Amino acid sequence: MNDQNKTRKIEESPKSVVGSSARPSAWKRFFSKRWVFPALYMAAAAIIVTVLWLNAGTGDKNKSQDVASSGIENGATAEGDASPDAVPAAANGETLRWPVTNRDQLSVSLPFYDANGSEDQKAAAMVQYENQFTPHTAIDLASKDGKAFDVKAAMSGKVMVAEQTPINGYEVQIKHPNGLTTVYQSLSELKVKTGDEVKQGDLLGAAGQSEMEKSEGVHVHFEVLSNGQSVDPSSLIKAE
């Protein structure tokens, strides 16, 4: 019996050795395949890219929320358009005024073109010149008796343009703080020059006529720009 047990143990021991050595050789054979390491690399790269993408998405979302909050705080509407109150109409303690002494004695000869107005209102605010119609980006004022009147600076600032133009008559442009610029056209004369620093109410010239708006007779073309965009002057000027 003892000899048989010894023989059985001798026969079984090689099997156990072979079984234990088979596992490492199987892993070796697995990792020896050419596609294994590239596949592992691609899987790891996909995981890293996914993590970075998720983090970037979260960052962009936070940025969008910050921008949206900032826009609302600065007076922007939910649609992204700036409200009229957001346009700076005051600077250095001054508020924008009409460029004339007595606004009540003057009438609007050509209104500002309002894209949201009725069809009749939009038609009434078109400028016709050489068979072309252009939206009017200003308010034209004329005296009720058709006479000339003084044109004054609507706000303190620096004169950037003071010249005679072929179709707009004499023109003055004044730069103000907060991105505002006022434009005065159809003048018959100039009382300022480029580079002058003017105060609110200083005389710029006198109302006259222009080739562009000849049918209006004597008037002043008063335009207000906010960061280069035309704005309805009446929406910025408080009633006195």
C-alpha atoms as a PDB file:
ATOM      1  CA  MET A   1       0.000   0.000   0.000  1.00  0.00           C
ATOM      2  CA  ASN A   2       2.773   2.383   0.781  1.00  0.00           C
ATOM      3  CA  ASP A   3       4.418   1.757  -2.554  1.00  0.00           C
ATOM      4  CA  GLN A   4       1.130   2.416  -4.353  1.00  0.00           C
ATOM      5  CA  ASN A   5       0.579   5.715  -2.500  1.00  0.00           C
ATOM      6  CA  LYS A   6       4.068   6.830  -3.396  1.00  0.00           C
ATOM      7  CA  THR A   7       3.433   5.981  -7.021  1.00  0.00           C
ATOM      8  CA  ARG A   8       0.108   7.910  -6.978  1.00  0.00           C
ATOM      9  CA  LYS A   9       1.797  10.995  -5.480  1.00  0.00           C
ATOM     10  CA  ILE A  10       4.560  10.866  -8.073  1.00  0.00           C
ATOM     11  CA  GLU A  11       1.956  10.660 -10.856  1.00  0.00           C
ATOM     12  CA  GLU A  12      -0.128  13.540  -9.434  1.00  0.00           C
ATOM     13  CA  SER A  13       2.692  15.976  -8.729  1.00  0.00           C
ATOM     14  CA  PRO A  14       3.561  16.676 -12.381  1.00  0.00           C
ATOM     15  CA  LYS A  15      -0.075  17.515 -13.044  1.00  0.00           C
ATOM     16  CA  SER A  16      -0.107  20.115 -10.313  1.00  0.00           C
ATOM     17  CA  VAL A  17       3.129  21.609 -11.612  1.00  0.00           C
ATOM     18  CA  VAL A  18       1.803  21.757 -15.134  1.00  0.00           C
ATOM     19  CA  GLY A  19      -1.465  23.331 -13.929  1.00  0.00           C
ATOM     20  CA  SER A  20       0.275  26.075 -11.962  1.00  0.00           C
ATOM     21  CA  SER A  21       2.640  26.898 -14.777  1.00  0.00           C
ATOM     22  CA  ALA A  22      -0.184  26.977 -17.340  1.00  0.00           C
ATOM     23  CA  ARG A  23      -1.732  30.140 -15.928  1.00  0.00           C
ATOM     24  CA  PRO A  24       1.327  32.401 -16.388  1.00  0.00           C
ATOM     25  CA  SER A  25       1.899  31.039 -19.847  1.00  0.00           C
ATOM     26  CA  ALA A  26      -1.723  31.839 -20.769  1.00  0.00           C
ATOM     27  CA  TRP A  27      -1.263  35.503 -19.709  1.00  0.00           C
ATOM     28  CA  LYS A  28       2.007  35.572 -21.607  1.00  0.00           C
ATOM     29  CA  ARG A  29       0.315  34.340 -24.708  1.00  0.00           C
ATOM     30  CA  PHE A  30      -2.447  36.963 -24.199  1.00  0.00           C
ATOM     31  CA  PHE A  31      -0.066  39.914 -23.818  1.00  0.00           C
ATOM     32  CA  SER A  32       2.143  38.672 -26.611  1.00  0.00           C
ATOM     33  CA  LYS A  33      -0.601  39.385 -29.137  1.00  0.00           C
ATOM     34  CA  ARG A  34       0.051  42.569 -31.167  1.00  0.00           C
ATOM     35  CA  TRP A  35      -3.392  44.074 -30.702  1.00  0.00           C
ATOM     36  CA  VAL A  36      -3.460  43.914 -26.880  1.00  0.00           C
ATOM     37  CA  PHE A  37      -1.372  46.964 -25.954  1.00  0.00           C
ATOM     38  CA  PRO A  38      -2.814  49.252 -28.679  1.00  0.00           C
ATOM     39  CA  ALA A  39      -6.288  48.231 -27.555  1.00  0.00           C
ATOM     40  CA  LEU A  40      -5.495  48.993 -23.927  1.00  0.00           C
ATOM     41  CA  TYR A  41      -3.948  52.317 -24.924  1.00  0.00           C
ATOM     42  CA  MET A  42      -7.005  53.318 -26.952  1.00  0.00           C
ATOM     43  CA  ALA A  43      -9.339  52.372 -24.107  1.00  0.00           C
ATOM     44  CA  ALA A  44      -7.343  54.446 -21.605  1.00  0.00           C
ATOM     45  CA  ALA A  45      -7.243  57.392 -24.022  1.00  0.00           C
ATOM     46  CA  ALA A  46     -11.011  57.177 -24.530  1.00  0.00           C
ATOM     47  CA  ILE A  47     -11.568  57.298 -20.777  1.00  0.00           C
ATOM     48  CA  ILE A  48      -9.276  60.332 -20.366  1.00  0.00           C
ATOM     49  CA  VAL A  49     -10.940  62.204 -23.253  1.00  0.00           C
ATOM     50  CA  THR A  50     -14.379  61.471 -21.820  1.00  0.00           C
ATOM     51  CA  VAL A  51     -13.379  62.830 -18.406  1.00  0.00           C
ATOM     52  CA  LEU A  52     -11.883  65.986 -19.933  1.00  0.00           C
ATOM     53  CA  TRP A  53     -14.972  66.504 -22.109  1.00  0.00           C
ATOM     54  CA  LEU A  54     -17.291  66.215 -19.115  1.00  0.00           C
ATOM     55  CA  ASN A  55     -15.200  68.710 -17.125  1.00  0.00           C
ATOM     56  CA  ALA A  56     -15.073  71.112 -20.080  1.00  0.00           C
ATOM     57  CA  GLY A  57     -18.840  70.909 -20.485  1.00  0.00           C
ATOM     58  CA  THR A  58     -19.332  71.777 -16.840  1.00  0.00           C
ATOM     59  CA  GLY A  59     -16.954  74.744 -17.180  1.00  0.00           C
ATOM     60  CA  ASP A  60     -18.729  76.073 -20.269  1.00  0.00           C
ATOM     61  CA  LYS A  61     -22.077  75.752 -18.521  1.00  0.00           C
ATOM     62  CA  ASN A  62     -20.791  77.738 -15.554  1.00  0.00           C
ATOM     63  CA  LYS A  63     -19.350  80.378 -17.903  1.00  0.00           C
ATOM     64  CA  SER A  64     -22.660  80.650 -19.744  1.00  0.00           C
ATOM     65  CA  GLN A  65     -24.487  81.109 -16.470  1.00  0.00           C
ATOM     66  CA  ASP A  66     -22.000  83.785 -15.403  1.00  0.00           C
ATOM     67  CA  VAL A  67     -22.380  85.625 -18.719  1.00  0.00           C
ATOM     68  CA  ALA A  68     -26.171  85.420 -18.546  1.00  0.00           C
ATOM     69  CA  SER A  69     -26.177  86.728 -14.986  1.00  0.00           C
ATOM     70  CA  SER A  70     -23.808  89.544 -15.960  1.00  0.00           C
ATOM     71  CA  GLY A  71     -26.012  90.494 -18.900  1.00  0.00           C
ATOM     72  CA  ILE A  72     -29.129  90.704 -16.730  1.00  0.00           C
ATOM     73  CA  GLU A  73     -27.301  92.787 -14.147  1.00  0.00           C
ATOM     74  CA  ASN A  74     -26.168  95.202 -16.871  1.00  0.00           C
ATOM     75  CA  GLY A  75     -29.690  95.717 -18.155  1.00  0.00           C
ATOM     76  CA  ALA A  76     -29.871  93.128 -20.929  1.00  0.00           C
ATOM     77  CA  THR A  77     -33.152  91.409 -21.602  1.00  0.00           C
ATOM     78  CA  ALA A  78     -33.632  87.639 -21.640  1.00  0.00           C
ATOM     79  CA  GLU A  79     -33.489  87.702 -25.444  1.00  0.00           C
ATOM     80  CA  GLY A  80     -30.033  89.265 -25.306  1.00  0.00           C
ATOM     81  CA  ASP A  81     -31.018  92.757 -26.506  1.00  0.00           C
ATOM     82  CA  ALA A  82     -30.058  95.744 -24.445  1.00  0.00           C
ATOM     83  CA  SER A  83     -33.016  97.580 -22.977  1.00  0.00           C
ATOM     84  CA  PRO A  84     -33.352 101.343 -23.630  1.00  0.00           C
ATOM     85  CA  ASP A  85     -32.498 102.040 -19.996  1.00  0.00           C
ATOM     86  CA  ALA A  86     -29.126 100.341 -20.508  1.00  0.00           C
ATOM     87  CA  VAL A  87     -27.974 103.013 -22.991  1.00  0.00           C
ATOM     88  CA  PRO A  88     -25.868 105.588 -21.119  1.00  0.00           C
ATOM     89  CA  ALA A  89     -27.724 108.898 -21.497  1.00  0.00           C
ATOM     90  CA  ALA A  90     -25.841 110.712 -18.719  1.00  0.00           C
ATOM     91  CA  ALA A  91     -22.198 111.499 -18.043  1.00  0.00           C
ATOM     92  CA  ASN A  92     -20.284 113.726 -15.628  1.00  0.00           C
ATOM     93  CA  GLY A  93     -23.508 114.842 -13.980  1.00  0.00           C
ATOM     94  CA  GLU A  94     -25.103 115.856 -17.305  1.00  0.00           C
ATOM     95  CA  THR A  95     -28.087 114.354 -19.054  1.00  0.00           C
ATOM     96  CA  LEU A  96     -28.594 114.479 -22.806  1.00  0.00           C
ATOM     97  CA  ARG A  97     -30.655 117.456 -23.997  1.00  0.00           C
ATOM     98  CA  TRP A  98     -32.239 118.612 -27.224  1.00  0.00           C
ATOM     99  CA  PRO A  99     -29.769 120.732 -29.240  1.00  0.00           C
ATOM    100  CA  VAL A 100     -32.059 123.773 -29.260  1.00  0.00           C
ATOM    101  CA  THR A 101     -33.166 126.484 -26.847  1.00  0.00           C
ATOM    102  CA  ASN A 102     -36.947 126.002 -27.014  1.00  0.00           C
ATOM    103  CA  ARG A 103     -37.927 122.498 -28.044  1.00  0.00           C
ATOM    104  CA  ASP A 104     -41.643 123.309 -27.716  1.00  0.00           C
ATOM    105  CA  GLN A 105     -41.376 125.863 -30.517  1.00  0.00           C
ATOM    106  CA  LEU A 106     -40.051 123.295 -32.946  1.00  0.00           C
ATOM    107  CA  SER A 107     -41.758 120.411 -34.699  1.00  0.00           C
ATOM    108  CA  VAL A 108     -40.419 117.064 -35.919  1.00  0.00           C
ATOM    109  CA  SER A 109     -40.015 117.332 -39.677  1.00  0.00           C
ATOM    110  CA  LEU A 110     -38.700 113.773 -40.043  1.00  0.00           C
ATOM    111  CA  PRO A 111     -38.927 111.162 -37.233  1.00  0.00           C
ATOM    112  CA  PHE A 112     -36.549 108.388 -36.219  1.00  0.00           C
ATOM    113  CA  TYR A 113     -37.072 105.066 -38.001  1.00  0.00           C
ATOM    114  CA  ASP A 114     -38.440 102.549 -35.504  1.00  0.00           C
ATOM    115  CA  ALA A 115     -38.171  98.971 -36.771  1.00  0.00           C
ATOM    116  CA  ASN A 116     -40.917  97.992 -34.311  1.00  0.00           C
ATOM    117  CA  GLY A 117     -43.286 100.730 -35.422  1.00  0.00           C
ATOM    118  CA  SER A 118     -46.336 100.387 -37.613  1.00  0.00           C
ATOM    119  CA  GLU A 119     -46.064 100.327 -41.382  1.00  0.00           C
ATOM    120  CA  ASP A 120     -47.265 103.951 -41.557  1.00  0.00           C
ATOM    121  CA  GLN A 121     -44.698 105.038 -38.971  1.00  0.00           C
ATOM    122  CA  LYS A 122     -41.880 103.288 -40.792  1.00  0.00           C
ATOM    123  CA  ALA A 123     -42.951 104.753 -44.132  1.00  0.00           C
ATOM    124  CA  ALA A 124     -42.977 108.249 -42.605  1.00  0.00           C
ATOM    125  CA  ALA A 125     -39.390 107.804 -41.385  1.00  0.00           C
ATOM    126  CA  MET A 126     -37.811 107.027 -44.767  1.00  0.00           C
ATOM    127  CA  VAL A 127     -35.453 109.432 -46.534  1.00  0.00           C
ATOM    128  CA  GLN A 128     -35.803 109.662 -50.305  1.00  0.00           C
ATOM    129  CA  TYR A 129     -32.697 110.672 -52.206  1.00  0.00           C
ATOM    130  CA  GLU A 130     -31.952 109.978 -55.874  1.00  0.00           C
ATOM    131  CA  ASN A 131     -34.781 107.455 -56.165  1.00  0.00           C
ATOM    132  CA  GLN A 132     -33.559 105.526 -53.124  1.00  0.00           C
ATOM    133  CA  PHE A 133     -35.289 105.177 -49.763  1.00  0.00           C
ATOM    134  CA  THR A 134     -33.206 104.925 -46.588  1.00  0.00           C
ATOM    135  CA  PRO A 135     -34.361 104.542 -42.952  1.00  0.00           C
ATOM    136  CA  HIS A 136     -33.889 107.818 -41.058  1.00  0.00           C
ATOM    137  CA  THR A 137     -31.508 107.313 -38.115  1.00  0.00           C
ATOM    138  CA  ALA A 138     -32.084 110.714 -36.499  1.00  0.00           C
ATOM    139  CA  ILE A 139     -34.772 113.210 -35.526  1.00  0.00           C
ATOM    140  CA  ASP A 140     -35.070 116.330 -37.659  1.00  0.00           C
ATOM    141  CA  LEU A 141     -36.356 119.485 -35.991  1.00  0.00           C
ATOM    142  CA  ALA A 142     -37.727 122.552 -37.784  1.00  0.00           C
ATOM    143  CA  SER A 143     -39.281 125.796 -36.595  1.00  0.00           C
ATOM    144  CA  LYS A 144     -42.996 126.174 -37.172  1.00  0.00           C
ATOM    145  CA  ASP A 145     -42.455 129.417 -39.067  1.00  0.00           C
ATOM    146  CA  GLY A 146     -39.672 127.970 -41.250  1.00  0.00           C
ATOM    147  CA  LYS A 147     -37.005 130.330 -39.896  1.00  0.00           C
ATOM    148  CA  ALA A 148     -33.463 129.481 -38.833  1.00  0.00           C
ATOM    149  CA  PHE A 149     -32.599 128.870 -35.173  1.00  0.00           C
ATOM    150  CA  ASP A 150     -29.504 128.230 -33.062  1.00  0.00           C
ATOM    151  CA  VAL A 151     -28.161 124.686 -32.734  1.00  0.00           C
ATOM    152  CA  LYS A 152     -26.369 123.880 -29.483  1.00  0.00           C
ATOM    153  CA  ALA A 153     -24.326 121.025 -28.014  1.00  0.00           C
ATOM    154  CA  ALA A 154     -26.611 118.412 -26.462  1.00  0.00           C
ATOM    155  CA  MET A 155     -23.864 117.392 -24.012  1.00  0.00           C
ATOM    156  CA  SER A 156     -20.303 118.391 -23.184  1.00  0.00           C
ATOM    157  CA  GLY A 157     -17.588 116.701 -25.220  1.00  0.00           C
ATOM    158  CA  LYS A 158     -14.916 116.989 -27.884  1.00  0.00           C
ATOM    159  CA  VAL A 159     -15.622 118.046 -31.478  1.00  0.00           C
ATOM    160  CA  MET A 160     -14.423 115.239 -33.741  1.00  0.00           C
ATOM    161  CA  VAL A 161     -15.860 116.556 -37.025  1.00  0.00           C
ATOM    162  CA  ALA A 162     -16.687 120.122 -38.088  1.00  0.00           C
ATOM    163  CA  GLU A 163     -16.890 120.400 -41.858  1.00  0.00           C
ATOM    164  CA  GLN A 164     -19.044 121.072 -44.882  1.00  0.00           C
ATOM    165  CA  THR A 165     -20.288 118.013 -46.770  1.00  0.00           C
ATOM    166  CA  PRO A 166     -21.745 117.831 -50.288  1.00  0.00           C
ATOM    167  CA  ILE A 167     -25.148 116.432 -49.325  1.00  0.00           C
ATOM    168  CA  ASN A 168     -25.528 117.042 -45.553  1.00  0.00           C
ATOM    169  CA  GLY A 169     -24.620 120.722 -45.370  1.00  0.00           C
ATOM    170  CA  TYR A 170     -22.346 121.737 -42.502  1.00  0.00           C
ATOM    171  CA  GLU A 171     -21.884 118.874 -40.042  1.00  0.00           C
ATOM    172  CA  VAL A 172     -20.626 118.603 -36.462  1.00  0.00           C
ATOM    173  CA  GLN A 173     -19.863 115.422 -34.556  1.00  0.00           C
ATOM    174  CA  ILE A 174     -19.150 115.504 -30.819  1.00  0.00           C
ATOM    175  CA  LYS A 175     -17.726 112.617 -28.805  1.00  0.00           C
ATOM    176  CA  HIS A 176     -18.993 112.231 -25.232  1.00  0.00           C
ATOM    177  CA  PRO A 177     -18.174 109.847 -22.351  1.00  0.00           C
ATOM    178  CA  ASN A 178     -19.784 106.392 -22.096  1.00  0.00           C
ATOM    179  CA  GLY A 179     -19.544 105.716 -25.831  1.00  0.00           C
ATOM    180  CA  LEU A 180     -22.008 108.440 -26.863  1.00  0.00           C
ATOM    181  CA  THR A 181     -21.632 110.549 -30.001  1.00  0.00           C
ATOM    182  CA  THR A 182     -23.999 113.274 -31.198  1.00  0.00           C
ATOM    183  CA  VAL A 183     -24.265 114.327 -34.843  1.00  0.00           C
ATOM    184  CA  TYR A 184     -25.663 117.656 -36.117  1.00  0.00           C
ATOM    185  CA  GLN A 185     -26.279 118.062 -39.854  1.00  0.00           C
ATOM    186  CA  SER A 186     -28.033 120.486 -42.218  1.00  0.00           C
ATOM    187  CA  LEU A 187     -26.321 123.458 -40.570  1.00  0.00           C
ATOM    188  CA  SER A 188     -25.901 126.716 -42.475  1.00  0.00           C
ATOM    189  CA  GLU A 189     -22.736 127.738 -40.614  1.00  0.00           C
ATOM    190  CA  LEU A 190     -20.232 126.529 -38.029  1.00  0.00           C
ATOM    191  CA  LYS A 191     -19.200 128.119 -34.754  1.00  0.00           C
ATOM    192  CA  VAL A 192     -16.759 125.376 -33.712  1.00  0.00           C
ATOM    193  CA  LYS A 193     -13.817 123.526 -35.232  1.00  0.00           C
ATOM    194  CA  THR A 194     -12.396 120.026 -34.975  1.00  0.00           C
ATOM    195  CA  GLY A 195     -10.594 119.467 -31.670  1.00  0.00           C
ATOM    196  CA  ASP A 196     -12.615 122.006 -29.680  1.00  0.00           C
ATOM    197  CA  GLU A 197     -13.830 121.059 -26.205  1.00  0.00           C
ATOM    198  CA  VAL A 198     -17.426 122.241 -25.874  1.00  0.00           C
ATOM    199  CA  LYS A 199     -19.792 122.508 -22.953  1.00  0.00           C
ATOM    200  CA  GLN A 200     -23.427 121.516 -22.959  1.00  0.00           C
ATOM    201  CA  GLY A 201     -25.431 124.370 -24.490  1.00  0.00           C
ATOM    202  CA  ASP A 202     -22.501 125.899 -26.418  1.00  0.00           C
ATOM    203  CA  LEU A 203     -23.444 127.274 -29.843  1.00  0.00           C
ATOM    204  CA  LEU A 204     -22.449 124.992 -32.725  1.00  0.00           C
ATOM    205  CA  GLY A 205     -24.093 126.803 -35.640  1.00  0.00           C
ATOM    206  CA  ALA A 206     -27.484 127.571 -37.133  1.00  0.00           C
ATOM    207  CA  ALA A 207     -30.143 125.373 -38.696  1.00  0.00           C
ATOM    208  CA  GLY A 208     -30.057 125.324 -42.484  1.00  0.00           C
ATOM    209  CA  GLN A 209     -30.765 123.059 -45.449  1.00  0.00           C
ATOM    210  CA  SER A 210     -29.139 120.020 -47.013  1.00  0.00           C
ATOM    211  CA  GLU A 211     -29.141 118.322 -50.367  1.00  0.00           C
ATOM    212  CA  MET A 212     -30.069 114.992 -48.776  1.00  0.00           C
ATOM    213  CA  GLU A 213     -33.179 116.353 -47.038  1.00  0.00           C
ATOM    214  CA  LYS A 214     -33.991 119.266 -49.303  1.00  0.00           C
ATOM    215  CA  SER A 215     -37.762 118.854 -49.011  1.00  0.00           C
ATOM    216  CA  GLU A 216     -37.667 119.665 -45.282  1.00  0.00           C
ATOM    217  CA  GLY A 217     -36.415 123.207 -45.761  1.00  0.00           C
ATOM    218  CA  VAL A 218     -34.600 124.786 -42.805  1.00  0.00           C
ATOM    219  CA  HIS A 219     -34.027 122.201 -40.058  1.00  0.00           C
ATOM    220  CA  VAL A 220     -31.404 120.424 -37.959  1.00  0.00           C
ATOM    221  CA  HIS A 221     -30.669 116.726 -38.324  1.00  0.00           C
ATOM    222  CA  PHE A 222     -29.930 115.462 -34.780  1.00  0.00           C
ATOM    223  CA  GLU A 223     -28.513 111.944 -34.436  1.00  0.00           C
ATOM    224  CA  VAL A 224     -27.315 110.047 -31.350  1.00  0.00           C
ATOM    225  CA  LEU A 225     -24.931 107.080 -31.519  1.00  0.00           C
ATOM    226  CA  SER A 226     -24.281 104.686 -28.647  1.00  0.00           C
ATOM    227  CA  ASN A 227     -21.089 102.717 -29.327  1.00  0.00           C
ATOM    228  CA  GLY A 228     -21.604 103.275 -33.045  1.00  0.00           C
ATOM    229  CA  GLN A 229     -25.287 102.282 -33.111  1.00  0.00           C
ATOM    230  CA  SER A 230     -28.011 104.843 -33.869  1.00  0.00           C
ATOM    231  CA  VAL A 231     -30.444 105.370 -30.995  1.00  0.00           C
ATOM    232  CA  ASP A 232     -33.734 107.250 -30.938  1.00  0.00           C
ATOM    233  CA  PRO A 233     -32.807 110.578 -29.253  1.00  0.00           C
ATOM    234  CA  SER A 234     -36.262 110.960 -27.724  1.00  0.00           C
ATOM    235  CA  SER A 235     -35.781 107.702 -25.787  1.00  0.00           C
ATOM    236  CA  LEU A 236     -32.731 109.171 -24.009  1.00  0.00           C
ATOM    237  CA  ILE A 237     -33.835 112.737 -23.365  1.00  0.00           C
ATOM    238  CA  LYS A 238     -35.915 113.379 -20.263  1.00  0.00           C
ATOM    239  CA  ALA A 239     -38.853 115.735 -20.574  1.00  0.00           C
ATOM    240  CA  GLU A 240     -38.126 119.087 -18.953  1.00  0.00           C
END
